[in-house]
Amino acid sequence: MKKLKNEKELLKKAIIEGIKYGEERGVVEFEATDSAKDKIEYIYRLLVHDKVIQGLPEDQVSLKSMQHKLAIWASKR
């Protein structure tokens, strides 16, 4: 997994876009008290479920890999 040049900024963008995507779809309502980890995991699983991004094999899913996939998704938006 090759680290992207500005992965932190892309991850922030992905979280914002993912929250917007989930709320517009009407499947989730995030609270200010939700942790970043919970948001990342929910957004990742929602995008995989909707076939927006390709999911990783379940044994390779980790916080770091989910962050990376979301950063890649944000870089293409």
C-alpha atoms as a PDB file:
ATOM      1  CA  MET A   1       0.000   0.000   0.000  1.00  0.00           C
ATOM      2  CA  LYS A   2       1.719   3.130  -1.225  1.00  0.00           C
ATOM      3  CA  LYS A   3       1.033   6.227   0.864  1.00  0.00           C
ATOM      4  CA  LEU A   4      -0.517   9.109  -1.056  1.00  0.00           C
ATOM      5  CA  LYS A   5       1.209  12.467  -1.118  1.00  0.00           C
ATOM      6  CA  ASN A   6      -1.436  14.341   0.895  1.00  0.00           C
ATOM      7  CA  GLU A   7      -3.292  11.422   2.453  1.00  0.00           C
ATOM      8  CA  LYS A   8      -4.319  13.238   5.659  1.00  0.00           C
ATOM      9  CA  GLU A   9      -6.038  16.038   3.749  1.00  0.00           C
ATOM     10  CA  LEU A  10      -7.685  13.552   1.412  1.00  0.00           C
ATOM     11  CA  LEU A  11      -8.950  11.537   4.386  1.00  0.00           C
ATOM     12  CA  LYS A  12     -10.512  14.665   5.891  1.00  0.00           C
ATOM     13  CA  LYS A  13     -12.176  15.385   2.547  1.00  0.00           C
ATOM     14  CA  ALA A  14     -13.369  11.757   2.329  1.00  0.00           C
ATOM     15  CA  ILE A  15     -14.960  11.927   5.782  1.00  0.00           C
ATOM     16  CA  ILE A  16     -16.798  15.144   4.909  1.00  0.00           C
ATOM     17  CA  GLU A  17     -17.936  13.790   1.532  1.00  0.00           C
ATOM     18  CA  GLY A  18     -18.834  10.403   3.043  1.00  0.00           C
ATOM     19  CA  ILE A  19     -20.954  11.972   5.773  1.00  0.00           C
ATOM     20  CA  LYS A  20     -22.743  14.046   3.144  1.00  0.00           C
ATOM     21  CA  TYR A  21     -23.238  10.950   0.946  1.00  0.00           C
ATOM     22  CA  GLY A  22     -24.668   8.859   3.794  1.00  0.00           C
ATOM     23  CA  GLU A  23     -26.977  11.575   5.085  1.00  0.00           C
ATOM     24  CA  GLU A  24     -28.280  12.465   1.608  1.00  0.00           C
ATOM     25  CA  ARG A  25     -28.997   8.789   1.064  1.00  0.00           C
ATOM     26  CA  GLY A  26     -30.919   8.787   4.329  1.00  0.00           C
ATOM     27  CA  VAL A  27     -29.153   5.793   5.864  1.00  0.00           C
ATOM     28  CA  VAL A  28     -27.186   7.498   8.631  1.00  0.00           C
ATOM     29  CA  GLU A  29     -27.127  10.555  10.826  1.00  0.00           C
ATOM     30  CA  PHE A  30     -23.733  11.219  12.361  1.00  0.00           C
ATOM     31  CA  GLU A  31     -23.430  12.911  15.744  1.00  0.00           C
ATOM     32  CA  ALA A  32     -20.672  15.282  16.841  1.00  0.00           C
ATOM     33  CA  THR A  33     -19.708  12.722  19.490  1.00  0.00           C
ATOM     34  CA  ASP A  34     -19.045   9.947  16.936  1.00  0.00           C
ATOM     35  CA  SER A  35     -15.359   9.084  16.772  1.00  0.00           C
ATOM     36  CA  ALA A  36     -13.384   9.462  13.562  1.00  0.00           C
ATOM     37  CA  LYS A  37     -12.723   5.706  13.620  1.00  0.00           C
ATOM     38  CA  ASP A  38     -16.456   4.950  13.694  1.00  0.00           C
ATOM     39  CA  LYS A  39     -17.125   7.419  10.865  1.00  0.00           C
ATOM     40  CA  ILE A  40     -14.323   5.962   8.737  1.00  0.00           C
ATOM     41  CA  GLU A  41     -15.534   2.390   9.211  1.00  0.00           C
ATOM     42  CA  TYR A  42     -19.179   3.251   8.508  1.00  0.00           C
ATOM     43  CA  ILE A  43     -18.368   5.312   5.416  1.00  0.00           C
ATOM     44  CA  TYR A  44     -16.041   2.606   4.083  1.00  0.00           C
ATOM     45  CA  ARG A  45     -18.630  -0.147   4.563  1.00  0.00           C
ATOM     46  CA  LEU A  46     -21.411   2.003   3.064  1.00  0.00           C
ATOM     47  CA  LEU A  47     -19.361   2.781  -0.053  1.00  0.00           C
ATOM     48  CA  VAL A  48     -18.434  -0.889  -0.461  1.00  0.00           C
ATOM     49  CA  HIS A  49     -22.079  -1.919   0.000  1.00  0.00           C
ATOM     50  CA  ASP A  50     -23.195   0.611  -2.638  1.00  0.00           C
ATOM     51  CA  LYS A  51     -20.381  -0.588  -4.934  1.00  0.00           C
ATOM     52  CA  VAL A  52     -18.872   2.906  -5.083  1.00  0.00           C
ATOM     53  CA  ILE A  53     -15.477   1.499  -4.113  1.00  0.00           C
ATOM     54  CA  GLN A  54     -14.131  -2.033  -4.272  1.00  0.00           C
ATOM     55  CA  GLY A  55     -13.866  -3.672  -0.889  1.00  0.00           C
ATOM     56  CA  LEU A  56     -10.815  -5.374   0.536  1.00  0.00           C
ATOM     57  CA  PRO A  57     -10.819  -9.040   1.542  1.00  0.00           C
ATOM     58  CA  GLU A  58     -12.189  -9.194   5.105  1.00  0.00           C
ATOM     59  CA  ASP A  59      -8.874 -10.445   6.525  1.00  0.00           C
ATOM     60  CA  GLN A  60      -7.108  -7.337   5.147  1.00  0.00           C
ATOM     61  CA  VAL A  61      -9.553  -4.766   6.503  1.00  0.00           C
ATOM     62  CA  SER A  62      -7.940  -2.520   9.102  1.00  0.00           C
ATOM     63  CA  LEU A  63      -8.308   1.109  10.087  1.00  0.00           C
ATOM     64  CA  LYS A  64      -5.211   2.015   8.086  1.00  0.00           C
ATOM     65  CA  SER A  65      -6.416   0.212   4.944  1.00  0.00           C
ATOM     66  CA  MET A  66      -9.901   1.777   5.222  1.00  0.00           C
ATOM     67  CA  GLN A  67      -8.326   5.234   5.587  1.00  0.00           C
ATOM     68  CA  HIS A  68      -6.198   4.586   2.507  1.00  0.00           C
ATOM     69  CA  LYS A  69      -9.175   3.430   0.406  1.00  0.00           C
ATOM     70  CA  LEU A  70     -11.203   6.478   1.459  1.00  0.00           C
ATOM     71  CA  ALA A  71      -8.301   8.806   0.624  1.00  0.00           C
ATOM     72  CA  ILE A  72      -8.065   7.258  -2.847  1.00  0.00           C
ATOM     73  CA  TRP A  73     -11.832   7.687  -3.277  1.00  0.00           C
ATOM     74  CA  ALA A  74     -11.587  11.359  -2.234  1.00  0.00           C
ATOM     75  CA  SER A  75      -8.710  11.972  -4.647  1.00  0.00           C
ATOM     76  CA  LYS A  76     -10.943  10.895  -7.539  1.00  0.00           C
ATOM     77  CA  ARG A  77     -13.867  13.128  -6.581  1.00  0.00           C
END
